[in-house]
């Protein structure tokens, strides 16, 4: 997984027999690991269909654990939990303040790196999906230096998960 992450892989589709006990155990374990989430299918035709219909993003989505986020919309403060995060955007769950699709927001998060001081990010974003207390936002004006630092933070976090 770390090798694929280092190569900035896109969607990963794995063909497996989901009824086998060992596969169920691997799926259970992998759901607890920070990193990308593979798509599991039963055959090659299903794999090709999933890849054709997948959302094309500008960055691999990392599923992170216990990362809090604060956000500001219309001069009001909200908070939530990051569901997934990339250098191009994020999905937030348990949002305390509803946001509308198309809203401009500021996202603030502190990304701990083990063994060194945390990196704080304050990022302008646009809400691209909103559903009750869950929303997805696309980052705006995130310069290359900050994008590279965020990428390093995400990769670092996956290496300390287990």
N, C-alpha and C. Protein backbone atom coordinates (compact mmCIF):
# COMPACT_ATOMS: atom_id res chain seq x y z
N UNK A 1 0.82 -1.18 0.00
CA UNK A 1 0.00 0.00 0.00
C UNK A 1 0.87 1.25 0.00
N UNK A 2 1.91 1.28 0.82
CA UNK A 2 2.78 2.45 0.87
C UNK A 2 3.50 2.67 -0.46
N UNK A 3 3.86 1.60 -1.16
CA UNK A 3 4.49 1.73 -2.47
C UNK A 3 3.54 2.41 -3.44
N UNK A 4 2.28 1.95 -3.48
CA UNK A 4 1.31 2.55 -4.39
C UNK A 4 1.05 4.01 -4.05
N UNK A 5 0.99 4.31 -2.75
CA UNK A 5 0.79 5.70 -2.33
C UNK A 5 1.96 6.56 -2.79
N UNK A 6 3.17 6.05 -2.63
CA UNK A 6 4.35 6.84 -3.03
C UNK A 6 4.36 7.12 -4.53
N UNK A 7 3.70 6.28 -5.32
CA UNK A 7 3.62 6.47 -6.77
C UNK A 7 2.36 7.24 -7.17
N UNK A 8 1.63 7.77 -6.17
CA UNK A 8 0.43 8.57 -6.39
C UNK A 8 -0.59 7.85 -7.26
N UNK A 9 -0.89 6.63 -6.85
CA UNK A 9 -1.84 5.78 -7.56
C UNK A 9 -3.22 6.42 -7.60
N UNK A 10 -4.00 6.08 -8.62
CA UNK A 10 -5.40 6.51 -8.69
C UNK A 10 -6.26 5.48 -7.98
N UNK A 11 -7.44 5.21 -8.52
CA UNK A 11 -8.31 4.21 -7.93
C UNK A 11 -7.68 2.83 -8.03
N UNK A 12 -7.83 2.05 -6.97
CA UNK A 12 -7.33 0.67 -6.95
C UNK A 12 -8.52 -0.26 -6.89
N UNK A 13 -8.59 -1.18 -7.84
CA UNK A 13 -9.66 -2.16 -7.88
C UNK A 13 -9.04 -3.53 -7.69
N UNK A 14 -9.57 -4.29 -6.74
CA UNK A 14 -9.05 -5.63 -6.48
C UNK A 14 -10.15 -6.65 -6.73
N UNK A 15 -9.79 -7.71 -7.46
CA UNK A 15 -10.73 -8.78 -7.74
C UNK A 15 -10.51 -9.87 -6.69
N UNK A 16 -11.55 -10.14 -5.90
CA UNK A 16 -11.44 -11.10 -4.80
C UNK A 16 -12.72 -11.92 -4.70
N UNK A 17 -12.61 -13.03 -3.98
CA UNK A 17 -13.78 -13.83 -3.64
C UNK A 17 -14.20 -13.40 -2.24
N UNK A 18 -15.20 -12.53 -2.14
CA UNK A 18 -15.60 -11.91 -0.88
C UNK A 18 -16.17 -12.92 0.13
N UNK A 19 -16.50 -14.13 -0.31
CA UNK A 19 -17.08 -15.11 0.60
C UNK A 19 -16.03 -15.90 1.38
N UNK A 20 -14.78 -15.79 0.99
CA UNK A 20 -13.72 -16.54 1.69
C UNK A 20 -13.40 -15.87 3.01
N UNK A 21 -13.17 -16.68 4.05
CA UNK A 21 -12.91 -16.17 5.39
C UNK A 21 -11.68 -15.28 5.43
N UNK A 22 -10.60 -15.68 4.77
CA UNK A 22 -9.37 -14.89 4.80
C UNK A 22 -9.60 -13.52 4.16
N UNK A 23 -10.41 -13.45 3.12
CA UNK A 23 -10.71 -12.17 2.48
C UNK A 23 -11.49 -11.27 3.43
N UNK A 24 -12.46 -11.86 4.14
CA UNK A 24 -13.22 -11.09 5.12
C UNK A 24 -12.31 -10.54 6.21
N UNK A 25 -11.33 -11.31 6.63
CA UNK A 25 -10.40 -10.86 7.66
C UNK A 25 -9.51 -9.73 7.13
N UNK A 26 -9.05 -9.85 5.90
CA UNK A 26 -8.22 -8.80 5.29
C UNK A 26 -9.04 -7.52 5.12
N UNK A 27 -10.30 -7.64 4.69
CA UNK A 27 -11.16 -6.47 4.53
C UNK A 27 -11.38 -5.78 5.88
N UNK A 28 -11.57 -6.56 6.92
CA UNK A 28 -11.76 -6.00 8.26
C UNK A 28 -10.51 -5.25 8.71
N UNK A 29 -9.34 -5.86 8.51
CA UNK A 29 -8.09 -5.22 8.90
C UNK A 29 -7.83 -3.96 8.08
N UNK A 30 -8.02 -4.04 6.78
CA UNK A 30 -7.71 -2.89 5.92
C UNK A 30 -8.63 -1.71 6.18
N UNK A 31 -9.83 -1.94 6.70
CA UNK A 31 -10.73 -0.83 7.01
C UNK A 31 -10.22 0.01 8.17
N UNK A 32 -9.29 -0.51 8.95
CA UNK A 32 -8.74 0.19 10.10
C UNK A 32 -7.42 0.90 9.81
N UNK A 33 -6.93 0.78 8.61
CA UNK A 33 -5.62 1.33 8.25
C UNK A 33 -5.80 2.65 7.51
N UNK A 34 -5.00 3.65 7.89
CA UNK A 34 -5.01 4.92 7.15
C UNK A 34 -4.42 4.67 5.78
N UNK A 35 -4.98 5.28 4.79
CA UNK A 35 -4.48 5.14 3.43
C UNK A 35 -5.62 5.19 2.45
N UNK A 36 -5.42 4.70 1.25
CA UNK A 36 -6.50 4.70 0.27
C UNK A 36 -7.42 3.52 0.54
N UNK A 37 -8.61 3.55 -0.02
CA UNK A 37 -9.56 2.45 0.10
C UNK A 37 -9.71 1.79 -1.27
N UNK A 38 -9.30 0.53 -1.39
CA UNK A 38 -9.50 -0.16 -2.66
C UNK A 38 -10.98 -0.44 -2.90
N UNK A 39 -11.32 -0.66 -4.13
CA UNK A 39 -12.66 -1.09 -4.51
C UNK A 39 -12.57 -2.59 -4.74
N UNK A 40 -13.39 -3.36 -4.04
CA UNK A 40 -13.36 -4.82 -4.17
C UNK A 40 -14.50 -5.28 -5.06
N UNK A 41 -14.17 -6.12 -6.04
CA UNK A 41 -15.15 -6.66 -6.98
C UNK A 41 -14.92 -8.16 -7.14
N UNK A 42 -15.86 -8.81 -7.83
CA UNK A 42 -15.80 -10.27 -7.96
C UNK A 42 -15.19 -10.76 -9.27
N UNK A 43 -15.17 -9.91 -10.31
CA UNK A 43 -14.65 -10.36 -11.60
C UNK A 43 -14.11 -9.19 -12.41
N UNK A 44 -13.45 -9.52 -13.51
CA UNK A 44 -12.80 -8.51 -14.35
C UNK A 44 -13.81 -7.54 -14.97
N UNK A 45 -14.96 -8.05 -15.43
CA UNK A 45 -15.96 -7.16 -16.03
C UNK A 45 -16.44 -6.12 -15.03
N UNK A 46 -16.68 -6.55 -13.80
CA UNK A 46 -17.11 -5.64 -12.74
C UNK A 46 -16.01 -4.61 -12.44
N UNK A 47 -14.75 -5.05 -12.46
CA UNK A 47 -13.62 -4.15 -12.21
C UNK A 47 -13.55 -3.06 -13.28
N UNK A 48 -13.67 -3.46 -14.54
CA UNK A 48 -13.61 -2.48 -15.63
C UNK A 48 -14.77 -1.50 -15.56
N UNK A 49 -15.95 -1.98 -15.18
CA UNK A 49 -17.12 -1.11 -15.04
C UNK A 49 -16.89 -0.09 -13.92
N UNK A 50 -16.36 -0.53 -12.79
CA UNK A 50 -16.09 0.37 -11.66
C UNK A 50 -15.09 1.45 -12.05
N UNK A 51 -14.04 1.06 -12.77
CA UNK A 51 -13.04 2.04 -13.19
C UNK A 51 -13.60 3.06 -14.17
N UNK A 52 -14.48 2.62 -15.07
CA UNK A 52 -15.09 3.53 -16.03
C UNK A 52 -15.99 4.55 -15.34
N UNK A 53 -16.68 4.11 -14.27
CA UNK A 53 -17.65 4.97 -13.59
C UNK A 53 -17.06 5.73 -12.40
N UNK A 54 -15.80 5.48 -12.08
CA UNK A 54 -15.22 6.12 -10.90
C UNK A 54 -15.05 7.62 -11.14
N UNK A 55 -15.09 8.37 -10.04
CA UNK A 55 -14.89 9.81 -10.10
C UNK A 55 -13.41 10.09 -10.29
N UNK A 56 -13.09 10.84 -11.32
CA UNK A 56 -11.69 11.17 -11.58
C UNK A 56 -11.32 12.38 -10.73
N UNK A 57 -10.34 12.19 -9.85
CA UNK A 57 -9.93 13.25 -8.94
C UNK A 57 -8.50 13.66 -9.23
N UNK A 58 -8.14 14.82 -8.69
CA UNK A 58 -6.79 15.35 -8.87
C UNK A 58 -5.83 14.87 -7.80
N UNK A 59 -6.20 13.90 -7.02
CA UNK A 59 -5.32 13.40 -5.99
C UNK A 59 -5.93 12.18 -5.32
N UNK A 60 -5.08 11.29 -4.88
CA UNK A 60 -5.54 10.10 -4.18
C UNK A 60 -6.19 10.51 -2.87
N UNK A 61 -7.28 9.87 -2.52
CA UNK A 61 -8.00 10.15 -1.27
C UNK A 61 -7.46 9.25 -0.18
N UNK A 62 -7.03 9.87 0.91
CA UNK A 62 -6.56 9.14 2.07
C UNK A 62 -7.69 9.08 3.09
N UNK A 63 -7.92 7.91 3.61
CA UNK A 63 -8.87 7.75 4.71
C UNK A 63 -8.05 7.86 5.98
N UNK A 64 -8.34 8.87 6.76
CA UNK A 64 -7.58 9.14 7.96
C UNK A 64 -8.46 8.91 9.19
N UNK A 65 -7.81 8.63 10.31
CA UNK A 65 -8.56 8.38 11.53
C UNK A 65 -8.42 9.56 12.47
N UNK A 66 -9.55 9.94 13.05
CA UNK A 66 -9.57 10.89 14.15
C UNK A 66 -8.95 12.24 13.81
N UNK A 67 -9.13 12.71 12.60
CA UNK A 67 -8.63 14.03 12.24
C UNK A 67 -9.79 15.01 12.30
N UNK A 68 -9.69 15.97 13.22
CA UNK A 68 -10.72 17.00 13.40
C UNK A 68 -10.51 18.12 12.39
N UNK A 69 -11.59 18.79 12.07
CA UNK A 69 -11.51 19.93 11.18
C UNK A 69 -12.44 21.02 11.71
N UNK A 70 -11.99 22.24 11.57
CA UNK A 70 -12.84 23.39 11.86
C UNK A 70 -13.05 24.11 10.54
N UNK A 71 -14.20 24.75 10.39
CA UNK A 71 -14.45 25.48 9.16
C UNK A 71 -15.26 26.73 9.47
N UNK A 72 -15.13 27.71 8.60
CA UNK A 72 -15.83 28.98 8.74
C UNK A 72 -16.65 29.19 7.48
N UNK A 73 -17.92 29.44 7.66
CA UNK A 73 -18.81 29.76 6.54
C UNK A 73 -19.71 30.91 7.00
N UNK A 74 -19.77 31.97 6.21
CA UNK A 74 -20.57 33.16 6.55
C UNK A 74 -20.27 33.68 7.95
N UNK A 75 -19.00 33.75 8.29
CA UNK A 75 -18.53 34.25 9.60
C UNK A 75 -19.04 33.42 10.77
N UNK A 76 -19.41 32.18 10.53
CA UNK A 76 -19.84 31.27 11.59
C UNK A 76 -18.89 30.09 11.63
N UNK A 77 -18.60 29.59 12.83
CA UNK A 77 -17.67 28.48 13.01
C UNK A 77 -18.40 27.16 13.12
N UNK A 78 -17.84 26.17 12.43
CA UNK A 78 -18.34 24.81 12.51
C UNK A 78 -17.17 23.86 12.70
N UNK A 79 -17.49 22.62 13.01
CA UNK A 79 -16.44 21.61 13.15
C UNK A 79 -16.99 20.27 12.68
N UNK A 80 -16.07 19.32 12.50
CA UNK A 80 -16.45 17.98 12.06
C UNK A 80 -15.26 17.06 12.05
N UNK A 81 -15.45 15.89 11.45
CA UNK A 81 -14.40 14.89 11.32
C UNK A 81 -14.11 14.67 9.84
N UNK A 82 -12.84 14.58 9.51
CA UNK A 82 -12.44 14.29 8.13
C UNK A 82 -12.73 12.82 7.83
N UNK A 83 -13.50 12.57 6.76
CA UNK A 83 -13.74 11.21 6.29
C UNK A 83 -12.60 10.78 5.38
N UNK A 84 -12.28 11.65 4.43
CA UNK A 84 -11.14 11.40 3.56
C UNK A 84 -10.57 12.73 3.13
N UNK A 85 -9.31 12.67 2.71
CA UNK A 85 -8.57 13.90 2.48
C UNK A 85 -7.55 13.67 1.37
N UNK A 86 -7.40 14.66 0.51
CA UNK A 86 -6.36 14.61 -0.51
C UNK A 86 -5.78 16.00 -0.64
N UNK A 87 -4.86 16.17 -1.55
CA UNK A 87 -4.30 17.49 -1.78
C UNK A 87 -5.25 18.37 -2.58
N UNK A 88 -6.36 17.80 -3.05
CA UNK A 88 -7.31 18.60 -3.82
C UNK A 88 -8.61 18.87 -3.08
N UNK A 89 -8.86 18.18 -1.97
CA UNK A 89 -10.10 18.41 -1.24
C UNK A 89 -10.30 17.42 -0.12
N UNK A 90 -11.48 17.48 0.48
CA UNK A 90 -11.77 16.59 1.60
C UNK A 90 -13.27 16.34 1.69
N UNK A 91 -13.62 15.31 2.46
CA UNK A 91 -15.01 15.04 2.82
C UNK A 91 -15.08 15.12 4.34
N UNK A 92 -16.13 15.78 4.83
CA UNK A 92 -16.30 16.01 6.26
C UNK A 92 -17.61 15.40 6.72
N UNK A 93 -17.57 14.74 7.87
CA UNK A 93 -18.75 14.13 8.47
C UNK A 93 -18.97 14.76 9.84
N UNK A 94 -20.14 14.59 10.38
CA UNK A 94 -20.50 15.13 11.71
C UNK A 94 -20.33 16.63 11.76
N UNK A 95 -20.66 17.30 10.67
CA UNK A 95 -20.54 18.76 10.61
C UNK A 95 -21.55 19.40 11.55
N UNK A 96 -21.07 20.32 12.38
CA UNK A 96 -21.94 20.98 13.35
C UNK A 96 -22.71 22.14 12.76
N UNK A 97 -22.28 22.63 11.61
CA UNK A 97 -22.92 23.75 10.94
C UNK A 97 -23.17 23.37 9.49
N UNK A 98 -24.43 23.32 9.05
CA UNK A 98 -24.70 22.93 7.67
C UNK A 98 -24.12 23.93 6.67
N UNK A 99 -23.70 23.42 5.54
CA UNK A 99 -23.19 24.27 4.46
C UNK A 99 -23.93 23.93 3.17
N UNK A 100 -24.04 24.89 2.30
CA UNK A 100 -24.72 24.69 1.03
C UNK A 100 -23.71 24.42 -0.08
N UNK A 101 -24.13 23.63 -1.04
CA UNK A 101 -23.29 23.38 -2.21
C UNK A 101 -22.99 24.72 -2.88
N UNK A 102 -21.73 24.92 -3.24
CA UNK A 102 -21.29 26.16 -3.87
C UNK A 102 -20.77 27.19 -2.88
N UNK A 103 -20.96 26.97 -1.58
CA UNK A 103 -20.50 27.92 -0.57
C UNK A 103 -18.98 27.97 -0.53
N UNK A 104 -18.46 29.16 -0.31
CA UNK A 104 -17.02 29.35 -0.07
C UNK A 104 -16.79 29.23 1.43
N UNK A 105 -15.84 28.40 1.83
CA UNK A 105 -15.55 28.19 3.24
C UNK A 105 -14.05 28.24 3.46
N UNK A 106 -13.66 28.38 4.71
CA UNK A 106 -12.27 28.26 5.11
C UNK A 106 -12.17 27.05 6.02
N UNK A 107 -11.28 26.14 5.68
CA UNK A 107 -11.08 24.92 6.46
C UNK A 107 -9.79 25.06 7.24
N UNK A 108 -9.86 24.72 8.52
CA UNK A 108 -8.67 24.75 9.37
C UNK A 108 -8.50 23.37 9.98
N UNK A 109 -7.29 22.83 9.86
CA UNK A 109 -6.99 21.53 10.47
C UNK A 109 -5.55 21.50 10.92
N UNK A 110 -5.32 20.74 11.93
CA UNK A 110 -3.97 20.53 12.42
C UNK A 110 -3.63 19.08 12.13
N UNK A 111 -2.58 18.92 11.40
CA UNK A 111 -2.20 17.58 10.96
C UNK A 111 -0.96 17.15 11.72
N UNK A 112 -1.13 16.25 12.71
CA UNK A 112 0.04 15.84 13.50
C UNK A 112 0.97 14.95 12.70
N UNK A 113 2.24 15.21 12.87
CA UNK A 113 3.26 14.31 12.32
C UNK A 113 4.00 13.76 13.53
N UNK A 114 4.09 12.47 13.60
CA UNK A 114 4.70 11.82 14.75
C UNK A 114 6.16 12.23 14.93
N UNK A 115 6.46 12.73 16.11
CA UNK A 115 7.85 13.05 16.42
C UNK A 115 8.27 14.47 16.13
N UNK A 116 7.45 15.25 15.40
CA UNK A 116 7.80 16.64 15.13
C UNK A 116 6.54 17.49 15.33
N UNK A 117 6.68 18.80 15.43
CA UNK A 117 5.49 19.65 15.64
C UNK A 117 4.46 19.47 14.54
N UNK A 118 3.22 19.69 14.92
CA UNK A 118 2.11 19.54 13.97
C UNK A 118 2.14 20.64 12.91
N UNK A 119 1.59 20.34 11.77
CA UNK A 119 1.43 21.32 10.71
C UNK A 119 -0.02 21.79 10.70
N UNK A 120 -0.22 23.08 10.68
CA UNK A 120 -1.55 23.64 10.63
C UNK A 120 -1.84 24.10 9.21
N UNK A 121 -3.04 23.81 8.77
CA UNK A 121 -3.47 24.21 7.44
C UNK A 121 -4.73 25.04 7.56
N UNK A 122 -4.75 26.17 6.90
CA UNK A 122 -5.93 27.00 6.75
C UNK A 122 -6.13 27.17 5.25
N UNK A 123 -7.20 26.59 4.73
CA UNK A 123 -7.35 26.46 3.29
C UNK A 123 -8.71 27.00 2.85
N UNK A 124 -8.71 27.84 1.85
CA UNK A 124 -9.95 28.29 1.23
C UNK A 124 -10.49 27.13 0.40
N UNK A 125 -11.81 26.90 0.45
CA UNK A 125 -12.40 25.78 -0.27
C UNK A 125 -13.80 26.14 -0.76
N UNK A 126 -14.27 25.35 -1.69
CA UNK A 126 -15.64 25.48 -2.21
C UNK A 126 -16.36 24.17 -1.99
N UNK A 127 -17.57 24.23 -1.43
CA UNK A 127 -18.36 23.03 -1.16
C UNK A 127 -18.89 22.49 -2.49
N UNK A 128 -18.58 21.22 -2.78
CA UNK A 128 -19.01 20.62 -4.05
C UNK A 128 -20.17 19.64 -3.85
N UNK A 129 -20.35 19.14 -2.62
CA UNK A 129 -21.48 18.28 -2.28
C UNK A 129 -21.87 18.56 -0.84
N UNK A 130 -23.16 18.52 -0.57
CA UNK A 130 -23.62 18.74 0.80
C UNK A 130 -24.86 17.89 1.03
N UNK A 131 -24.87 17.20 2.17
CA UNK A 131 -26.01 16.35 2.50
C UNK A 131 -26.14 16.30 4.02
N UNK A 132 -26.94 17.17 4.57
CA UNK A 132 -27.15 17.19 6.01
C UNK A 132 -25.87 17.57 6.75
N UNK A 133 -25.36 16.63 7.54
CA UNK A 133 -24.14 16.93 8.32
C UNK A 133 -22.88 16.37 7.67
N UNK A 134 -22.93 16.12 6.38
CA UNK A 134 -21.78 15.65 5.61
C UNK A 134 -21.61 16.55 4.39
N UNK A 135 -20.36 16.88 4.09
CA UNK A 135 -20.11 17.66 2.88
C UNK A 135 -18.73 17.35 2.32
N UNK A 136 -18.54 17.68 1.05
CA UNK A 136 -17.25 17.55 0.39
C UNK A 136 -16.85 18.92 -0.12
N UNK A 137 -15.56 19.21 -0.01
CA UNK A 137 -15.06 20.52 -0.43
C UNK A 137 -13.82 20.36 -1.28
N UNK A 138 -13.71 21.24 -2.27
CA UNK A 138 -12.54 21.29 -3.15
C UNK A 138 -11.68 22.47 -2.70
N UNK A 139 -10.40 22.20 -2.47
CA UNK A 139 -9.48 23.24 -2.03
C UNK A 139 -9.23 24.24 -3.15
N UNK A 140 -9.10 25.50 -2.77
CA UNK A 140 -8.79 26.58 -3.71
C UNK A 140 -7.51 27.27 -3.25
N UNK A 141 -6.73 27.73 -4.18
CA UNK A 141 -5.55 28.54 -3.87
C UNK A 141 -4.58 27.86 -2.91
N UNK A 142 -4.44 26.57 -3.00
CA UNK A 142 -3.45 25.85 -2.20
C UNK A 142 -2.18 25.79 -3.04
N UNK A 143 -1.20 26.60 -2.70
CA UNK A 143 0.03 26.69 -3.48
C UNK A 143 0.80 25.38 -3.49
N UNK A 144 1.74 25.28 -4.40
CA UNK A 144 2.52 24.04 -4.54
C UNK A 144 3.28 23.67 -3.27
N UNK A 145 3.83 24.66 -2.57
CA UNK A 145 4.57 24.35 -1.34
C UNK A 145 3.65 23.75 -0.29
N UNK A 146 2.47 24.35 -0.09
CA UNK A 146 1.51 23.83 0.90
C UNK A 146 0.95 22.48 0.44
N UNK A 147 0.73 22.33 -0.85
CA UNK A 147 0.22 21.07 -1.38
C UNK A 147 1.24 19.95 -1.14
N UNK A 148 2.52 20.24 -1.37
CA UNK A 148 3.57 19.25 -1.13
C UNK A 148 3.68 18.91 0.36
N UNK A 149 3.54 19.91 1.22
CA UNK A 149 3.58 19.65 2.66
C UNK A 149 2.40 18.79 3.08
N UNK A 150 1.22 19.09 2.57
CA UNK A 150 0.04 18.28 2.88
C UNK A 150 0.24 16.84 2.41
N UNK A 151 0.77 16.68 1.20
CA UNK A 151 1.06 15.34 0.68
C UNK A 151 2.00 14.59 1.62
N UNK A 152 3.06 15.24 2.06
CA UNK A 152 4.01 14.60 2.98
C UNK A 152 3.35 14.23 4.29
N UNK A 153 2.48 15.08 4.79
CA UNK A 153 1.75 14.77 6.02
C UNK A 153 0.87 13.54 5.84
N UNK A 154 0.19 13.45 4.72
CA UNK A 154 -0.69 12.30 4.47
C UNK A 154 0.12 11.01 4.35
N UNK A 155 1.19 11.05 3.60
CA UNK A 155 2.04 9.87 3.45
C UNK A 155 2.63 9.46 4.80
N UNK A 156 3.10 10.43 5.56
CA UNK A 156 3.70 10.15 6.89
C UNK A 156 2.69 9.47 7.80
N UNK A 157 1.45 9.94 7.77
CA UNK A 157 0.43 9.36 8.65
C UNK A 157 0.15 7.90 8.30
N UNK A 158 0.17 7.56 7.02
CA UNK A 158 -0.09 6.16 6.65
C UNK A 158 1.03 5.25 7.11
N UNK A 159 2.24 5.76 7.25
CA UNK A 159 3.37 4.92 7.64
C UNK A 159 3.39 4.64 9.14
N UNK A 160 2.61 5.39 9.94
CA UNK A 160 2.59 5.19 11.37
C UNK A 160 1.33 4.53 11.87
N UNK A 161 0.49 4.08 10.98
CA UNK A 161 -0.82 3.61 11.35
C UNK A 161 -0.82 2.30 12.12
N UNK A 162 -0.03 1.34 11.68
CA UNK A 162 -0.12 -0.01 12.26
C UNK A 162 0.65 -0.10 13.55
